[in-house]
Amino acid sequence: MFNNSSKIMFMGILMMGSLISISSNSWLSAWMGLEINLLSFIPLMSDNKLMSTEASLKYFLTQALASSVFLFTVILLLLNPKWNMNYFMEMMIFSSLLLKMGSAPFHFWFPNVMEGLTWMNALIMMTWQKIAPMMLISYILIKPLITMSVILSSLIGALGGLNQVSLRKLMAYSSINHLGWMLAALNNSNMLWMMYFSFYSFLSITMIIMFNNFKASYINQLFSLFTYNKNLIFFTFFNLLSLGGLPPFLGFLPKLLVIQSLVMNNQLFMLIFMLMMTLITLYFYIRLSYSAFMLNYSENNWFNKFNYKTFFMNISLIFSFISSFGLFLISSLYLLL
């Protein structure tokens, strides 16, 4: 078990590895950055618990497989300088990067690893660990493979979350669905991807801070939290609906920008399919929200001793307010300017 100073050190090394990959000018140095990132995240995942140890082992084996495929392709390019990046080489590197960030059809490890992580490690897995692979993918955009990954990520992220009761797996499949939207944005514009990723990271941080404060792991635990404070009913599920991209909330704005970009580039089939899959995700989000809003919960006196007015809880409530009403604030500022 590492102390806080060791965790901060590993976090610094993890960020440094991602920055090395992003700023590298060769595939070999990009691979080195990805390995530094991997080897610094493994100690953060392991906390002497059975689930975390199993998750860290699964993560290591999967990432080692992706790194070996990536390195094998890079070595082939180095041994044969006359070879350019032909379609086969690009496909090998592209597939290994998809495996590293858990995008479909190489998503099989992602929900199981997420199930064994703490909420803070799950947040790192959902946000920071996707930056370096996405930036490397932007160098080798292969239209057919990106289209396939976008469609499969949208499909699996929507259907996989339908029967989930675990909040971690629900967030994992939501992340896979958002990966489809991010790849579609990356296919058209790097700036659009960065904007979508920023909004997605903000909404994920808001949700996970709230889940972490109340140590919630399953949906029925989430319902019981409403005995602490009735306002949590609205904030929690407004955040969930915003993450799904329901129009009145802030999460609709990045989706609107991607929709506009896809329409301008005549990618209508991909757009229609992604919207249909997003409706499925909104279906089980709204189903959870409707059951939470409609049920009447009894209050127990011993719950009143719970101190929910902590620093991180206040931060979460502020983020929740921005998530719920941010679209109105942005619209008002736009009209004023």
Protein backbone atom coordinates (compact mmCIF):
# COMPACT_ATOMS: atom_id res chain seq x y z
CA MET A 1 0.00 0.00 0.00
CA PHE A 2 1.56 3.30 -1.09
CA ASN A 3 1.39 6.50 0.91
CA ASN A 4 0.14 9.79 -0.50
CA SER A 5 3.58 11.08 -1.51
CA SER A 6 4.24 7.91 -3.51
CA LYS A 7 0.87 8.20 -5.23
CA ILE A 8 1.62 11.82 -6.15
CA MET A 9 4.97 10.72 -7.58
CA PHE A 10 3.34 7.98 -9.67
CA MET A 11 0.71 10.46 -10.86
CA GLY A 12 3.46 12.80 -12.02
CA ILE A 13 5.22 9.96 -13.88
CA LEU A 14 1.88 8.91 -15.42
CA MET A 15 1.28 12.42 -16.76
CA MET A 16 4.87 12.67 -17.96
CA GLY A 17 4.48 9.42 -19.94
CA SER A 18 1.39 10.74 -21.70
CA LEU A 19 3.11 14.04 -22.50
CA ILE A 20 6.12 12.18 -23.93
CA SER A 21 3.81 10.23 -26.25
CA ILE A 22 1.97 13.35 -27.36
CA SER A 23 5.12 15.39 -28.04
CA SER A 24 7.21 12.62 -29.60
CA ASN A 25 8.40 12.83 -33.20
CA SER A 26 8.81 9.08 -33.76
CA TRP A 27 6.74 5.99 -33.11
CA LEU A 28 9.45 4.48 -30.91
CA SER A 29 9.46 7.42 -28.49
CA ALA A 30 5.65 7.36 -28.51
CA TRP A 31 5.81 3.70 -27.46
CA MET A 32 8.24 4.61 -24.65
CA GLY A 33 5.82 7.23 -23.37
CA LEU A 34 2.95 4.76 -23.40
CA GLU A 35 5.04 2.26 -21.44
CA ILE A 36 6.02 4.85 -18.83
CA ASN A 37 2.34 5.71 -18.49
CA LEU A 38 1.41 2.02 -18.09
CA LEU A 39 4.10 1.17 -15.52
CA SER A 40 3.20 4.19 -13.38
CA PHE A 41 -0.53 3.43 -13.40
CA ILE A 42 -0.17 -0.21 -12.25
CA PRO A 43 1.03 0.76 -8.71
CA LEU A 44 -1.85 3.23 -8.41
CA MET A 45 -4.33 0.45 -9.21
CA SER A 46 -2.96 -2.04 -6.67
CA ASP A 47 -4.13 -1.40 -3.09
CA ASN A 48 -3.83 -4.88 -1.55
CA LYS A 49 -7.44 -5.78 -2.34
CA LEU A 50 -8.43 -8.83 -4.34
CA MET A 51 -10.58 -6.95 -6.86
CA SER A 52 -7.94 -4.27 -7.44
CA THR A 53 -5.17 -6.83 -7.83
CA GLU A 54 -7.23 -8.76 -10.37
CA ALA A 55 -8.07 -5.55 -12.24
CA SER A 56 -4.43 -4.45 -12.32
CA LEU A 57 -3.36 -7.86 -13.66
CA LYS A 58 -6.02 -7.77 -16.41
CA TYR A 59 -5.04 -4.22 -17.28
CA PHE A 60 -1.34 -5.08 -17.43
CA LEU A 61 -1.83 -8.14 -19.65
CA THR A 62 -4.11 -6.27 -22.06
CA GLN A 63 -1.84 -3.25 -22.27
CA ALA A 64 1.21 -5.50 -22.70
CA LEU A 65 -0.51 -7.18 -25.66
CA ALA A 66 -1.29 -3.81 -27.24
CA SER A 67 2.25 -2.56 -26.60
CA SER A 68 3.80 -5.68 -28.12
CA VAL A 69 1.74 -5.27 -31.31
CA PHE A 70 2.65 -1.58 -31.42
CA LEU A 71 6.37 -2.26 -30.86
CA PHE A 72 6.41 -5.12 -33.40
CA THR A 73 5.07 -2.78 -36.07
CA VAL A 74 7.56 -0.05 -35.13
CA ILE A 75 10.47 -2.52 -35.32
CA LEU A 76 9.33 -3.64 -38.77
CA LEU A 77 9.40 -0.01 -39.89
CA LEU A 78 12.86 0.52 -38.41
CA LEU A 79 14.31 -2.65 -39.99
CA ASN A 80 12.91 -1.73 -43.39
CA PRO A 81 13.39 2.02 -43.89
CA LYS A 82 12.24 1.74 -47.49
CA TRP A 83 8.79 0.75 -46.31
CA ASN A 84 6.37 3.59 -45.88
CA MET A 85 3.40 3.48 -43.58
CA ASN A 86 1.30 1.22 -45.78
CA TYR A 87 -2.24 0.19 -44.97
CA PHE A 88 -1.24 -2.95 -43.05
CA MET A 89 1.19 -1.06 -40.79
CA GLU A 90 -1.32 1.68 -40.12
CA MET A 91 -3.98 -0.90 -39.31
CA MET A 92 -1.68 -2.65 -36.80
CA ILE A 93 -0.82 0.58 -34.99
CA PHE A 94 -4.43 1.79 -35.12
CA SER A 95 -5.75 -1.49 -33.66
CA SER A 96 -3.19 -1.49 -30.84
CA LEU A 97 -4.16 2.07 -29.89
CA LEU A 98 -7.85 1.16 -29.89
CA LEU A 99 -7.02 -1.75 -27.57
CA LYS A 100 -5.08 0.57 -25.26
CA MET A 101 -7.98 2.94 -24.70
CA GLY A 102 -10.71 0.29 -24.63
CA SER A 103 -12.65 1.24 -27.72
CA ALA A 104 -14.81 -1.29 -29.55
CA PRO A 105 -14.21 -3.89 -30.94
CA PHE A 106 -11.31 -4.16 -28.42
CA HIS A 107 -13.40 -3.19 -25.40
CA PHE A 108 -13.63 -6.62 -23.73
CA TRP A 109 -11.28 -5.76 -20.86
CA PHE A 110 -12.55 -2.29 -20.02
CA PRO A 111 -15.77 -2.96 -17.99
CA ASN A 112 -14.14 -5.79 -16.01
CA VAL A 113 -11.12 -3.68 -15.11
CA MET A 114 -13.33 -0.73 -14.16
CA GLU A 115 -15.29 -2.97 -11.77
CA GLY A 116 -12.21 -3.58 -9.63
CA LEU A 117 -10.95 0.01 -9.40
CA THR A 118 -11.55 2.75 -6.87
CA TRP A 119 -13.52 5.73 -8.14
CA MET A 120 -10.46 7.94 -8.46
CA ASN A 121 -8.57 5.33 -10.48
CA ALA A 122 -11.69 4.78 -12.58
CA LEU A 123 -11.73 8.52 -13.30
CA ILE A 124 -8.11 8.37 -14.49
CA MET A 125 -8.95 5.36 -16.65
CA MET A 126 -11.94 7.11 -18.23
CA THR A 127 -10.26 10.44 -18.92
CA TRP A 128 -6.48 10.84 -18.79
CA GLN A 129 -5.60 7.38 -20.09
CA LYS A 130 -7.41 8.12 -23.35
CA ILE A 131 -5.49 11.29 -24.24
CA ALA A 132 -2.24 9.77 -25.58
CA PRO A 133 -3.87 7.00 -27.69
CA MET A 134 -6.37 9.48 -29.17
CA MET A 135 -3.62 11.91 -30.12
CA LEU A 136 -1.60 9.12 -31.75
CA ILE A 137 -4.69 7.94 -33.64
CA SER A 138 -5.07 11.45 -35.06
CA TYR A 139 -1.76 10.92 -36.92
CA ILE A 140 -3.01 7.84 -38.80
CA LEU A 141 -6.67 8.40 -39.52
CA ILE A 142 -8.01 5.39 -41.45
CA LYS A 143 -11.56 6.17 -42.55
CA PRO A 144 -12.94 2.58 -42.75
CA LEU A 145 -11.48 1.55 -39.38
CA ILE A 146 -12.65 4.72 -37.65
CA THR A 147 -16.14 4.26 -39.08
CA MET A 148 -16.20 0.65 -37.86
CA SER A 149 -14.97 1.63 -34.39
CA VAL A 150 -17.46 4.51 -34.12
CA ILE A 151 -20.41 2.28 -35.03
CA LEU A 152 -19.34 -0.59 -32.76
CA SER A 153 -18.50 1.70 -29.82
CA SER A 154 -21.89 3.40 -30.08
CA LEU A 155 -23.68 0.06 -30.33
CA ILE A 156 -21.84 -1.75 -27.52
CA GLY A 157 -21.84 1.27 -25.22
CA ALA A 158 -25.60 1.58 -25.59
CA LEU A 159 -26.62 -2.08 -25.40
CA GLY A 160 -24.05 -3.04 -22.77
CA GLY A 161 -25.41 -0.59 -20.20
CA LEU A 162 -29.03 -1.71 -20.44
CA ASN A 163 -28.89 -4.51 -17.86
CA GLN A 164 -26.20 -3.13 -15.55
CA VAL A 165 -26.72 -2.55 -11.83
CA SER A 166 -23.07 -1.71 -11.09
CA LEU A 167 -22.31 1.99 -11.34
CA ARG A 168 -18.73 1.34 -12.42
CA LYS A 169 -19.81 -0.85 -15.32
CA LEU A 170 -22.50 1.67 -16.20
CA MET A 171 -19.85 4.39 -16.38
CA ALA A 172 -17.58 2.05 -18.36
CA TYR A 173 -20.19 1.41 -21.05
CA SER A 174 -21.04 5.12 -21.06
CA SER A 175 -17.35 5.80 -21.68
CA ILE A 176 -17.31 3.33 -24.59
CA ASN A 177 -20.33 5.10 -26.10
CA HIS A 178 -18.66 8.49 -25.71
CA LEU A 179 -15.51 7.08 -27.31
CA GLY A 180 -17.56 6.55 -30.47
CA TRP A 181 -18.54 10.22 -30.46
CA MET A 182 -14.94 11.29 -29.74
CA LEU A 183 -13.58 9.22 -32.64
CA ALA A 184 -16.22 10.71 -34.93
CA ALA A 185 -15.17 14.18 -33.76
CA LEU A 186 -11.48 13.33 -34.20
CA ASN A 187 -12.17 12.15 -37.73
CA ASN A 188 -13.29 15.67 -38.64
CA SER A 189 -11.33 18.04 -36.42
CA ASN A 190 -8.77 17.84 -33.61
CA MET A 191 -10.24 20.95 -32.02
CA LEU A 192 -13.70 19.39 -32.00
CA TRP A 193 -12.32 16.29 -30.29
CA MET A 194 -10.54 18.35 -27.62
CA MET A 195 -13.75 20.29 -26.96
CA TYR A 196 -15.83 17.11 -26.66
CA PHE A 197 -13.21 15.47 -24.44
CA SER A 198 -13.11 18.51 -22.14
CA PHE A 199 -16.89 18.47 -21.65
CA TYR A 200 -16.89 14.70 -21.14
CA SER A 201 -14.09 14.92 -18.56
CA PHE A 202 -15.92 17.66 -16.66
CA LEU A 203 -19.16 15.65 -16.51
CA SER A 204 -17.31 12.47 -15.50
CA ILE A 205 -15.46 14.29 -12.71
CA THR A 206 -18.78 15.63 -11.42
CA MET A 207 -20.39 12.19 -11.32
CA ILE A 208 -17.42 10.36 -9.84
CA ILE A 209 -16.80 12.89 -7.06
CA MET A 210 -20.40 12.37 -5.97
CA PHE A 211 -20.16 8.56 -6.18
CA ASN A 212 -16.86 8.60 -4.28
CA ASN A 213 -18.17 10.82 -1.49
CA PHE A 214 -21.02 8.44 -0.75
CA LYS A 215 -19.08 5.21 -1.49
CA ALA A 216 -21.80 4.16 -3.91
CA SER A 217 -21.12 1.14 -6.13
CA TYR A 218 -24.59 -0.04 -7.14
CA ILE A 219 -27.79 1.61 -8.26
CA ASN A 220 -29.82 0.58 -5.19
CA GLN A 221 -27.19 2.28 -3.00
CA LEU A 222 -27.67 5.39 -5.09
CA PHE A 223 -31.40 5.42 -4.32
CA SER A 224 -30.74 5.13 -0.59
CA LEU A 225 -28.52 8.23 -0.69
CA PHE A 226 -31.55 10.44 -1.12
CA THR A 227 -32.32 10.10 2.57
CA TYR A 228 -29.26 12.32 3.19
CA ASN A 229 -30.46 15.27 1.19
CA LYS A 230 -33.42 15.60 -1.16
CA ASN A 231 -31.46 17.92 -3.45
CA LEU A 232 -29.15 15.01 -4.31
CA ILE A 233 -32.03 13.43 -6.23
CA PHE A 234 -32.00 16.25 -8.74
CA PHE A 235 -28.28 16.91 -8.88
CA THR A 236 -27.26 13.26 -9.28
CA PHE A 237 -29.70 12.41 -12.01
CA PHE A 238 -29.42 15.75 -13.78
CA ASN A 239 -25.71 14.97 -14.07
CA LEU A 240 -26.52 11.51 -15.39
CA LEU A 241 -28.90 12.94 -17.99
CA SER A 242 -26.33 15.56 -18.92
CA LEU A 243 -23.74 12.83 -19.42
CA GLY A 244 -26.19 11.11 -21.74
CA GLY A 245 -26.60 14.30 -23.78
CA LEU A 246 -30.21 15.29 -23.06
CA PRO A 247 -30.81 18.71 -24.72
CA PRO A 248 -31.55 21.06 -21.78
CA PHE A 249 -28.26 20.16 -20.09
CA LEU A 250 -24.61 21.02 -20.72
CA GLY A 251 -23.77 17.56 -22.10
CA PHE A 252 -25.90 18.28 -25.17
CA LEU A 253 -23.54 21.04 -26.38
CA PRO A 254 -20.57 18.82 -27.46
CA LYS A 255 -22.96 16.38 -29.11
CA LEU A 256 -24.57 19.27 -30.99
CA LEU A 257 -21.17 20.36 -32.29
CA VAL A 258 -20.37 16.82 -33.46
CA ILE A 259 -23.79 16.53 -35.12
CA GLN A 260 -23.18 19.79 -36.97
CA SER A 261 -19.74 18.60 -38.10
CA LEU A 262 -21.09 15.25 -39.34
CA VAL A 263 -23.87 16.97 -41.27
CA MET A 264 -21.41 19.35 -42.93
CA ASN A 265 -19.21 16.40 -43.97
CA ASN A 266 -22.16 14.37 -45.33
CA GLN A 267 -21.66 11.50 -42.87
CA LEU A 268 -25.38 11.03 -42.41
CA PHE A 269 -25.45 7.25 -41.97
CA MET A 270 -22.96 7.40 -39.10
CA LEU A 271 -24.86 10.31 -37.56
CA ILE A 272 -28.26 8.56 -37.68
CA PHE A 273 -26.82 5.38 -36.17
CA MET A 274 -25.05 7.28 -33.37
CA LEU A 275 -28.23 9.20 -32.55
CA MET A 276 -30.23 5.98 -32.37
CA MET A 277 -27.71 4.45 -29.97
CA THR A 278 -27.68 7.63 -27.88
CA LEU A 279 -31.46 7.33 -27.53
CA ILE A 280 -30.92 3.87 -26.04
CA THR A 281 -28.46 5.24 -23.48
CA LEU A 282 -30.91 8.02 -22.64
CA TYR A 283 -33.61 5.38 -22.21
CA PHE A 284 -31.91 3.66 -19.28
CA TYR A 285 -30.71 6.96 -17.81
CA ILE A 286 -34.26 8.33 -17.89
CA ARG A 287 -35.59 5.04 -16.54
CA LEU A 288 -33.30 5.37 -13.52
CA SER A 289 -34.16 9.05 -13.09
CA TYR A 290 -37.90 8.47 -13.39
CA SER A 291 -37.87 5.73 -10.76
CA ALA A 292 -35.81 7.94 -8.45
CA PHE A 293 -38.07 10.98 -8.86
CA MET A 294 -41.31 9.04 -8.47
CA LEU A 295 -40.49 6.80 -5.49
CA ASN A 296 -41.09 8.05 -1.98
CA TYR A 297 -38.20 7.38 0.38
CA SER A 298 -38.53 7.16 4.14
CA GLU A 299 -36.08 9.15 6.21
CA ASN A 300 -34.18 7.58 9.09
CA ASN A 301 -33.04 9.69 12.02
CA TRP A 302 -29.54 8.24 12.11
CA PHE A 303 -28.91 9.52 8.57
CA ASN A 304 -29.08 13.08 9.88
CA LYS A 305 -25.66 12.60 11.50
CA PHE A 306 -24.05 12.17 8.09
CA ASN A 307 -21.93 15.18 7.17
CA TYR A 308 -22.47 15.75 3.48
CA LYS A 309 -21.20 19.36 3.60
CA THR A 310 -17.59 18.48 2.92
CA PHE A 311 -15.22 20.33 0.60
CA PHE A 312 -15.44 17.80 -2.21
CA MET A 313 -19.19 17.60 -1.82
CA ASN A 314 -19.45 21.37 -2.22
CA ILE A 315 -17.24 21.19 -5.31
CA SER A 316 -19.47 18.42 -6.66
CA LEU A 317 -22.60 20.50 -6.08
CA ILE A 318 -21.05 23.49 -7.87
CA PHE A 319 -20.06 21.27 -10.81
CA SER A 320 -23.54 19.76 -10.78
CA PHE A 321 -25.11 23.20 -11.03
CA ILE A 322 -22.85 24.04 -14.00
CA SER A 323 -23.67 20.69 -15.59
CA SER A 324 -27.41 21.21 -15.16
CA PHE A 325 -27.66 24.87 -16.19
CA GLY A 326 -24.43 25.43 -18.13
CA LEU A 327 -26.18 25.40 -21.49
CA PHE A 328 -28.44 28.24 -20.39
CA LEU A 329 -25.44 30.18 -19.04
CA ILE A 330 -23.50 29.72 -22.29
CA SER A 331 -26.55 30.73 -24.35
CA SER A 332 -27.03 33.85 -22.21
CA LEU A 333 -23.38 34.86 -22.56
CA TYR A 334 -23.58 34.29 -26.32
CA LEU A 335 -26.63 36.54 -26.61
CA LEU A 336 -25.00 39.23 -24.47
CA LEU A 337 -21.82 39.21 -26.55
